Amino acid sequence: MKRINSIAQNIENIQIDFYLYKQPTEAPVLLKEIKPCDALLFGGTLPYLHAQSALSELPIPWNYIKQDETAISTTLLSLVANHAVPLNRISIDVMNPAIVENVLTEIEYVGPKPYIQTISITKLTQSILQHHIALWEANSIDFVITSIHSVFDELQALQIPAMRMLDATNSIIQCLEETKSQSLLTKSESVKAAVGLLEASENKPIDDNMLTQITAITHSTYKEISPYSFELYTTAGHLQKALEKENLQNLLQQTNQSFKLAFGYGHSIVEANHNAKNAITFAKPCEIYILDEHKNLLGPFPKSELSLTLKTDDPYILQMAKQTSLSPLNISKIIHFSRERQSAQFTSHNLAEHLQVTRRTTERIIKKLVDNGYAKVVGEEMPHQQGRPRTIYELNFAVY
């Protein structure tokens, strides 16, 4: 605590409150005592592992100070410099033994290796302590390096030479900066404007009870455009929580009324509203789409979380758009269509279903691709019943 506090003085605009444990197993209990804050930082991997299962319920970002090669290297250098103990005469407990092996490999160490114990939440701290003590009493070691503070305290009480694992100052600074950045990003993302468009799919006014439930779940206010259409106003944070808990998706699937719902994100209400209007053109009944401020189309929820960009600066796609007279959006959709399919071959019917346009429009798109060498005819598919055979195509450009 004292070390982190002294290092944190070098970072602007952060304030740290500490919740101290005697044993790492107490971390889940301490979680319930935390007062409102912007982010959570665990002092080590072990308390993080004990509390990991409860972190998904937290509405704030979290991080932990990881044990890495820098910590191992710094600690071993300190040991050799200050205590002159050979590496094969130490017992060390670490989260990941491979990190110690990596350090020894990097320094080209070829002698007998130290005694290494693996720390895990299934291994009692007392058993790790007893193993260190047994090695000391057997005269197999001269020193102990431990990652567990309570073990260090016990070894000190028994007058067994020991030191704690040293976290490098730069590593702690980096972790504090990362946690601060996560908090700032979460805040900026959660307060973005989000505008929703709710439209009845049938010629039937939207049910008042349904509207009330949607606004409650998304923490939104609304404006009536017509009995068949409403605008919803909320934030990206509130909408994201509603989607994460699947409350909104469940409501859509349980209702008997058919309607479309789409949202737009933006740095202003005007921008968010414009994006919502674009997103609603993709929506089908009982599905939700989101168009963010970067023109990325997310959805449909709850079936999948497809991300499709509606804006591109990829010169390859822009060149294709120029040559074929197709929009970059349609080309992006075709690329995603190819990535999703198990087969490289497709018919105009397959593509029409994906693009959500008419068969005639799809055939015009395919003709432009074929005429410019971006697709080719590879065969025909005979229908099960009477009718014209369907042409089979393959795309003839890179999609990855």
Protein backbone atom coordinates (compact mmCIF):
# COMPACT_ATOMS: atom_id res chain seq x y z
CA MET A 1 0.00 0.00 0.00
CA LYS A 2 2.76 2.45 0.97
CA ARG A 3 4.72 1.72 -2.21
CA ILE A 4 1.76 2.10 -4.57
CA ASN A 5 0.72 5.29 -2.79
CA SER A 6 4.18 6.83 -3.17
CA ILE A 7 4.36 5.87 -6.86
CA ALA A 8 0.85 7.19 -7.52
CA GLN A 9 2.00 10.67 -6.50
CA ASN A 10 3.67 10.91 -9.91
CA ILE A 11 0.39 10.42 -11.80
CA GLU A 12 -1.98 13.36 -12.21
CA ASN A 13 -5.65 13.35 -11.28
CA ILE A 14 -5.94 10.06 -9.43
CA GLN A 15 -6.94 9.35 -5.86
CA ILE A 16 -6.56 5.89 -4.34
CA ASP A 17 -8.55 4.35 -1.50
CA PHE A 18 -7.14 1.10 -0.08
CA TYR A 19 -9.00 -2.01 1.09
CA LEU A 20 -6.51 -4.25 2.89
CA TYR A 21 -6.69 -8.00 3.41
CA LYS A 22 -4.66 -10.32 5.60
CA GLN A 23 -5.20 -13.28 3.27
CA PRO A 24 -5.93 -13.08 -0.50
CA THR A 25 -9.02 -15.23 0.07
CA GLU A 26 -10.64 -12.18 1.69
CA ALA A 27 -10.73 -10.29 -1.65
CA PRO A 28 -14.33 -11.29 -2.56
CA VAL A 29 -15.55 -10.04 0.84
CA LEU A 30 -13.71 -6.73 0.39
CA LEU A 31 -15.47 -6.26 -2.96
CA LYS A 32 -18.73 -5.81 -1.05
CA GLU A 33 -17.20 -3.02 1.03
CA ILE A 34 -15.99 -0.87 -1.87
CA LYS A 35 -17.46 2.63 -1.94
CA PRO A 36 -18.36 4.35 -5.23
CA CYS A 37 -15.27 4.75 -7.41
CA ASP A 38 -14.19 4.97 -11.05
CA ALA A 39 -12.05 1.83 -11.33
CA LEU A 40 -10.76 -1.11 -9.31
CA LEU A 41 -7.11 -2.19 -9.10
CA PHE A 42 -5.96 -5.42 -7.41
CA GLY A 43 -2.51 -5.37 -5.88
CA GLY A 44 -1.65 -8.79 -7.27
CA THR A 45 -2.80 -11.77 -9.30
CA LEU A 46 -3.86 -13.94 -6.34
CA PRO A 47 -6.49 -11.57 -4.89
CA TYR A 48 -7.69 -10.95 -8.45
CA LEU A 49 -8.16 -14.70 -9.05
CA HIS A 50 -10.13 -15.10 -5.82
CA ALA A 51 -12.45 -12.22 -6.77
CA GLN A 52 -12.60 -12.95 -10.52
CA SER A 53 -16.02 -14.64 -10.53
CA ALA A 54 -17.68 -11.57 -8.99
CA LEU A 55 -16.10 -8.99 -11.33
CA SER A 56 -18.65 -9.41 -14.12
CA GLU A 57 -21.26 -7.79 -11.87
CA LEU A 58 -19.22 -4.61 -11.42
CA PRO A 59 -20.26 -1.57 -13.48
CA ILE A 60 -16.69 -0.17 -13.40
CA PRO A 61 -13.48 -1.31 -15.14
CA TRP A 62 -10.91 -3.33 -13.20
CA ASN A 63 -7.25 -4.26 -13.54
CA TYR A 64 -4.55 -6.04 -11.54
CA ILE A 65 -0.79 -5.74 -11.10
CA LYS A 66 0.50 -8.71 -13.08
CA GLN A 67 3.55 -10.73 -12.22
CA ASP A 68 5.78 -10.64 -15.30
CA GLU A 69 9.37 -11.18 -16.43
CA THR A 70 10.35 -7.70 -15.23
CA ALA A 71 9.29 -8.52 -11.66
CA ILE A 72 11.17 -11.85 -11.70
CA SER A 73 14.31 -10.30 -13.22
CA THR A 74 14.32 -7.36 -10.79
CA THR A 75 13.88 -9.67 -7.79
CA LEU A 76 16.59 -12.13 -8.84
CA LEU A 77 19.02 -9.27 -9.55
CA SER A 78 18.34 -7.80 -6.12
CA LEU A 79 18.91 -11.20 -4.50
CA VAL A 80 22.23 -11.82 -6.26
CA ALA A 81 23.46 -8.24 -5.72
CA ASN A 82 22.47 -7.88 -2.06
CA HIS A 83 22.67 -11.41 -0.68
CA ALA A 84 25.03 -13.25 -3.04
CA VAL A 85 22.89 -16.40 -2.96
CA PRO A 86 23.27 -18.89 -5.84
CA LEU A 87 20.07 -19.42 -7.83
CA ASN A 88 20.01 -23.14 -7.05
CA ARG A 89 19.89 -22.34 -3.32
CA ILE A 90 16.60 -20.43 -3.38
CA SER A 91 12.96 -21.46 -3.14
CA ILE A 92 10.54 -19.25 -5.07
CA ASP A 93 6.75 -19.22 -5.37
CA VAL A 94 5.21 -17.63 -8.48
CA MET A 95 1.91 -17.48 -10.34
CA ASN A 96 3.41 -18.90 -13.53
CA PRO A 97 6.64 -20.97 -13.37
CA ALA A 98 7.14 -20.48 -17.12
CA ILE A 99 8.00 -16.82 -16.45
CA VAL A 100 10.97 -17.89 -14.27
CA GLU A 101 12.05 -20.34 -16.99
CA ASN A 102 11.85 -17.54 -19.56
CA VAL A 103 14.07 -15.27 -17.47
CA LEU A 104 16.65 -18.02 -16.92
CA THR A 105 16.67 -18.74 -20.65
CA GLU A 106 17.08 -15.06 -21.52
CA ILE A 107 20.14 -14.68 -19.24
CA GLU A 108 21.54 -17.95 -20.64
CA TYR A 109 21.66 -19.56 -17.19
CA VAL A 110 22.82 -23.20 -17.43
CA GLY A 111 23.34 -24.20 -13.77
CA PRO A 112 21.00 -26.02 -11.37
CA LYS A 113 17.65 -24.29 -11.18
CA PRO A 114 15.91 -22.87 -8.11
CA TYR A 115 13.05 -24.68 -6.37
CA ILE A 116 9.84 -23.33 -7.91
CA GLN A 117 6.33 -23.58 -6.46
CA THR A 118 3.19 -22.68 -8.39
CA ILE A 119 0.64 -20.42 -6.70
CA SER A 120 -3.03 -21.04 -7.42
CA ILE A 121 -6.35 -20.44 -5.70
CA THR A 122 -6.71 -24.19 -5.19
CA LYS A 123 -3.40 -24.46 -3.33
CA LEU A 124 -3.52 -23.39 0.31
CA THR A 125 -1.12 -20.63 1.34
CA GLN A 126 -0.14 -22.73 4.35
CA SER A 127 1.04 -25.61 2.14
CA ILE A 128 3.28 -23.22 0.18
CA LEU A 129 4.72 -21.93 3.46
CA GLN A 130 5.34 -25.46 4.77
CA HIS A 131 7.15 -26.42 1.56
CA HIS A 132 9.54 -23.45 1.96
CA ILE A 133 10.12 -24.38 5.62
CA ALA A 134 10.78 -28.04 4.74
CA LEU A 135 13.43 -27.06 2.17
CA TRP A 136 15.07 -24.74 4.72
CA GLU A 137 15.12 -27.38 7.46
CA ALA A 138 16.55 -29.93 5.02
CA ASN A 139 19.37 -27.42 4.32
CA SER A 140 18.44 -27.45 0.62
CA ILE A 141 18.09 -23.67 0.38
CA ASP A 142 19.57 -20.47 1.82
CA PHE A 143 16.82 -18.04 0.87
CA VAL A 144 13.12 -17.75 -0.02
CA ILE A 145 11.46 -15.43 -2.54
CA THR A 146 7.72 -15.27 -2.05
CA SER A 147 4.86 -13.56 -3.90
CA ILE A 148 2.56 -13.88 -0.88
CA HIS A 149 2.83 -11.24 1.85
CA SER A 150 1.45 -13.49 4.61
CA VAL A 151 4.06 -16.15 3.77
CA PHE A 152 6.81 -13.52 4.01
CA ASP A 153 5.56 -12.43 7.43
CA GLU A 154 5.56 -16.06 8.70
CA LEU A 155 9.09 -16.68 7.36
CA GLN A 156 10.32 -13.50 9.04
CA ALA A 157 8.83 -14.64 12.33
CA LEU A 158 10.71 -17.96 11.97
CA GLN A 159 13.91 -16.05 11.09
CA ILE A 160 14.18 -17.75 7.72
CA PRO A 161 15.91 -15.40 5.21
CA ALA A 162 13.26 -14.23 2.77
CA MET A 163 12.21 -11.35 0.53
CA ARG A 164 9.01 -10.38 -1.24
CA MET A 165 8.73 -10.35 -5.00
CA LEU A 166 9.61 -6.88 -6.27
CA ASP A 167 7.24 -5.20 -8.70
CA ALA A 168 9.22 -2.75 -10.82
CA THR A 169 8.23 0.90 -10.40
CA ASN A 170 7.67 1.28 -14.14
CA SER A 171 5.34 -1.74 -14.14
CA ILE A 172 3.24 -0.22 -11.35
CA ILE A 173 3.12 3.16 -13.09
CA GLN A 174 2.06 1.49 -16.33
CA CYS A 175 -0.68 -0.46 -14.52
CA LEU A 176 -1.97 2.68 -12.80
CA GLU A 177 -1.99 4.57 -16.12
CA GLU A 178 -3.82 1.68 -17.83
CA THR A 179 -6.46 1.63 -15.10
CA LYS A 180 -6.92 5.39 -15.31
CA SER A 181 -7.29 5.17 -19.11
CA GLN A 182 -9.86 2.37 -18.80
CA SER A 183 -11.88 4.53 -16.43
CA LEU A 184 -11.78 7.59 -18.70
CA LEU A 185 -12.73 5.50 -21.73
CA THR A 186 -15.63 3.87 -19.88
CA LYS A 187 -16.92 7.26 -18.80
CA SER A 188 -16.67 8.82 -22.25
CA GLU A 189 -18.31 5.79 -23.90
CA SER A 190 -21.16 5.53 -21.40
CA VAL A 191 -22.28 9.16 -21.70
CA LYS A 192 -22.47 9.22 -25.50
CA ALA A 193 -25.88 10.16 -26.80
CA ALA A 194 -28.05 7.27 -27.99
CA VAL A 195 -31.24 7.79 -29.98
CA GLY A 196 -33.61 4.90 -30.66
CA LEU A 197 -36.30 4.56 -33.31
CA LEU A 198 -39.27 2.35 -32.48
CA GLU A 199 -41.54 1.62 -35.46
CA ALA A 200 -44.58 -0.63 -35.71
CA SER A 201 -44.04 -3.29 -38.40
CA GLU A 202 -47.77 -3.66 -38.97
CA ASN A 203 -50.49 -1.06 -39.40
CA LYS A 204 -51.18 -1.15 -35.67
CA PRO A 205 -50.32 1.51 -33.03
CA ILE A 206 -47.53 0.64 -30.61
CA ASP A 207 -48.88 -0.68 -27.30
CA ASP A 208 -48.49 1.78 -24.40
CA ASN A 209 -47.38 -0.97 -22.02
CA MET A 210 -44.67 -2.08 -24.45
CA LEU A 211 -43.41 1.49 -24.82
CA THR A 212 -43.32 1.90 -21.03
CA GLN A 213 -41.29 -1.28 -20.58
CA ILE A 214 -38.76 -0.35 -23.29
CA THR A 215 -38.20 3.13 -21.85
CA ALA A 216 -37.82 1.68 -18.34
CA ILE A 217 -35.28 -0.94 -19.44
CA THR A 218 -33.19 1.57 -21.45
CA HIS A 219 -33.64 4.48 -18.97
CA SER A 220 -34.89 6.61 -21.85
CA THR A 221 -37.37 9.37 -22.47
CA TYR A 222 -39.42 9.41 -25.66
CA LYS A 223 -41.13 11.61 -28.22
CA GLU A 224 -44.12 10.46 -30.24
CA ILE A 225 -43.65 10.91 -33.99
CA SER A 226 -46.93 9.14 -34.76
CA PRO A 227 -48.99 6.37 -33.12
CA TYR A 228 -46.78 3.98 -35.12
CA SER A 229 -43.38 5.57 -34.45
CA PHE A 230 -41.46 6.90 -31.43
CA GLU A 231 -38.01 8.38 -30.80
CA LEU A 232 -36.18 7.26 -27.63
CA TYR A 233 -33.42 9.31 -25.94
CA THR A 234 -30.88 7.67 -23.63
CA THR A 235 -27.10 7.13 -23.30
CA ALA A 236 -24.82 4.45 -24.72
CA GLY A 237 -24.07 3.27 -21.17
CA HIS A 238 -27.71 2.65 -20.29
CA LEU A 239 -28.35 0.89 -23.59
CA GLN A 240 -25.27 -1.29 -23.24
CA LYS A 241 -26.34 -2.44 -19.77
CA ALA A 242 -29.80 -3.31 -21.08
CA LEU A 243 -28.26 -5.40 -23.88
CA GLU A 244 -25.71 -7.08 -21.57
CA LYS A 245 -28.47 -8.23 -19.22
CA GLU A 246 -30.56 -9.23 -22.29
CA ASN A 247 -33.63 -7.53 -20.78
CA LEU A 248 -34.38 -5.71 -24.02
CA GLN A 249 -33.91 -8.78 -26.22
CA ASN A 250 -36.15 -10.88 -23.96
CA LEU A 251 -38.88 -8.24 -24.09
CA LEU A 252 -38.82 -8.21 -27.89
CA GLN A 253 -39.10 -11.99 -28.10
CA GLN A 254 -41.96 -12.19 -25.59
CA THR A 255 -44.22 -9.57 -27.17
CA ASN A 256 -46.97 -10.43 -29.63
CA GLN A 257 -46.64 -7.13 -31.46
CA SER A 258 -44.26 -6.88 -34.39
CA PHE A 259 -42.08 -3.77 -34.53
CA LYS A 260 -38.59 -2.60 -35.48
CA LEU A 261 -36.08 -1.12 -33.05
CA ALA A 262 -32.73 0.47 -33.86
CA PHE A 263 -30.34 2.86 -32.12
CA GLY A 264 -27.73 5.35 -33.17
CA TYR A 265 -24.75 6.60 -31.16
CA GLY A 266 -23.27 10.05 -31.53
CA HIS A 267 -21.46 12.91 -29.86
CA SER A 268 -24.68 14.90 -30.23
CA ILE A 269 -28.40 14.12 -30.40
CA VAL A 270 -28.44 15.17 -34.06
CA GLU A 271 -25.63 12.76 -34.98
CA ALA A 272 -27.18 9.92 -32.96
CA ASN A 273 -30.57 10.53 -34.58
CA HIS A 274 -29.06 10.42 -38.07
CA ASN A 275 -27.30 7.12 -37.26
CA ALA A 276 -30.52 5.65 -35.82
CA LYS A 277 -32.36 6.44 -39.07
CA ASN A 278 -29.67 4.59 -41.02
CA ALA A 279 -29.73 1.64 -38.59
CA ILE A 280 -33.52 1.20 -38.80
CA THR A 281 -33.23 0.39 -42.52
CA PHE A 282 -31.46 -2.87 -41.54
CA ALA A 283 -33.83 -3.85 -38.74
CA LYS A 284 -36.23 -6.77 -38.94
CA PRO A 285 -39.00 -7.52 -36.43
CA CYS A 286 -37.65 -8.69 -33.03
CA GLU A 287 -34.08 -7.67 -33.90
CA ILE A 288 -32.03 -4.69 -32.73
CA TYR A 289 -29.31 -2.89 -34.66
CA ILE A 290 -26.97 -0.13 -33.49
CA LEU A 291 -25.02 2.26 -35.72
CA ASP A 292 -22.20 3.87 -33.75
CA GLU A 293 -20.48 7.22 -34.30
CA HIS A 294 -17.77 5.50 -36.39
CA LYS A 295 -20.43 4.14 -38.78
CA ASN A 296 -19.99 0.57 -37.50
CA LEU A 297 -23.24 -1.38 -37.66
CA LEU A 298 -23.65 -3.69 -34.64
CA GLY A 299 -26.20 -6.48 -34.52
CA PRO A 300 -28.59 -8.02 -34.96
CA PHE A 301 -29.21 -8.59 -31.26
CA PRO A 302 -29.99 -11.12 -29.82
CA LYS A 303 -29.05 -13.55 -32.63
CA SER A 304 -25.51 -12.34 -33.12
CA GLU A 305 -23.29 -9.35 -32.64
CA LEU A 306 -22.25 -8.68 -36.21
CA SER A 307 -20.08 -5.62 -36.71
CA LEU A 308 -20.18 -4.16 -40.19
CA THR A 309 -18.60 -0.85 -41.08
CA LEU A 310 -20.69 1.55 -43.14
CA LYS A 311 -17.72 3.83 -43.69
CA THR A 312 -14.39 2.76 -45.11
CA ASP A 313 -11.09 4.29 -46.07
CA ASP A 314 -9.71 0.95 -47.30
CA PRO A 315 -8.21 1.77 -50.74
CA TYR A 316 -8.95 -1.77 -51.96
CA ILE A 317 -12.69 -1.42 -51.26
CA LEU A 318 -12.75 2.13 -52.62
CA GLN A 319 -11.12 0.94 -55.86
CA MET A 320 -13.71 -1.84 -56.20
CA ALA A 321 -16.50 0.65 -55.56
CA LYS A 322 -15.19 2.94 -58.28
CA GLN A 323 -14.79 0.16 -60.85
CA THR A 324 -18.14 -1.54 -60.21
CA SER A 325 -20.21 1.59 -59.40
CA LEU A 326 -21.32 -0.20 -56.20
CA SER A 327 -21.31 1.55 -52.82
CA PRO A 328 -18.53 0.73 -50.31
CA LEU A 329 -21.34 -0.40 -47.99
CA ASN A 330 -22.57 -3.04 -50.45
CA ILE A 331 -19.01 -4.26 -51.02
CA SER A 332 -18.45 -4.50 -47.23
CA LYS A 333 -21.68 -6.51 -46.95
CA ILE A 334 -20.60 -8.85 -49.77
CA ILE A 335 -17.22 -9.40 -48.06
CA HIS A 336 -18.97 -10.23 -44.78
CA PHE A 337 -21.37 -12.53 -46.66
CA SER A 338 -18.40 -14.48 -48.04
CA ARG A 339 -16.69 -14.73 -44.65
CA GLU A 340 -19.83 -16.11 -42.99
CA ARG A 341 -20.51 -18.85 -45.55
CA GLN A 342 -19.06 -22.36 -45.28
CA SER A 343 -19.01 -22.65 -49.09
CA ALA A 344 -17.29 -20.32 -51.56
CA GLN A 345 -20.16 -20.83 -54.02
CA PHE A 346 -23.48 -18.99 -53.83
CA THR A 347 -26.59 -18.08 -55.80
CA SER A 348 -28.30 -14.72 -56.23
CA HIS A 349 -30.98 -16.00 -53.83
CA ASN A 350 -28.33 -16.58 -51.10
CA LEU A 351 -26.90 -13.08 -51.55
CA ALA A 352 -30.35 -11.44 -51.70
CA GLU A 353 -31.24 -12.93 -48.31
CA HIS A 354 -28.04 -11.57 -46.78
CA LEU A 355 -28.29 -8.09 -48.34
CA GLN A 356 -32.03 -7.89 -47.55
CA VAL A 357 -32.80 -6.55 -51.06
CA THR A 358 -34.90 -7.85 -53.96
CA ARG A 359 -33.72 -10.59 -56.28
CA ARG A 360 -33.61 -8.15 -59.19
CA THR A 361 -31.38 -5.71 -57.26
CA THR A 362 -29.09 -8.57 -56.26
CA GLU A 363 -28.75 -9.75 -59.86
CA ARG A 364 -27.74 -6.23 -60.93
CA ILE A 365 -25.08 -6.21 -58.20
CA ILE A 366 -23.74 -9.62 -59.27
CA LYS A 367 -23.66 -8.54 -62.94
CA LYS A 368 -21.45 -5.57 -62.03
CA LEU A 369 -19.12 -7.87 -60.09
CA VAL A 370 -18.94 -10.37 -62.97
CA ASP A 371 -18.42 -7.67 -65.62
CA ASN A 372 -15.43 -6.30 -63.69
CA GLY A 373 -13.87 -9.68 -62.88
CA TYR A 374 -14.76 -9.67 -59.17
CA ALA A 375 -17.08 -12.69 -59.52
CA LYS A 376 -17.41 -15.57 -61.96
CA VAL A 377 -20.03 -18.13 -63.01
CA VAL A 378 -19.04 -21.66 -61.94
CA GLY A 379 -22.17 -23.72 -62.62
CA GLU A 380 -25.91 -24.14 -62.27
CA GLU A 381 -28.16 -25.45 -59.49
CA MET A 382 -31.24 -27.42 -60.52
CA PRO A 383 -34.33 -26.70 -58.36
CA HIS A 384 -36.13 -29.56 -56.59
CA GLN A 385 -39.34 -28.65 -58.38
CA GLN A 386 -39.91 -27.39 -61.89
CA GLY A 387 -38.38 -24.02 -62.73
CA ARG A 388 -35.38 -22.31 -64.18
CA PRO A 389 -31.95 -23.48 -62.95
CA ARG A 390 -30.11 -21.05 -60.67
CA THR A 391 -26.69 -19.75 -61.66
CA ILE A 392 -23.91 -20.51 -59.18
CA TYR A 393 -21.21 -17.88 -58.60
CA GLU A 394 -17.90 -17.52 -56.83
CA LEU A 395 -16.27 -14.28 -55.70
CA ASN A 396 -12.96 -13.58 -57.36
CA PHE A 397 -11.27 -11.17 -54.92
CA ALA A 398 -9.63 -11.27 -51.50
CA VAL A 399 -12.08 -11.11 -48.58
CA TYR A 400 -9.71 -11.49 -45.59
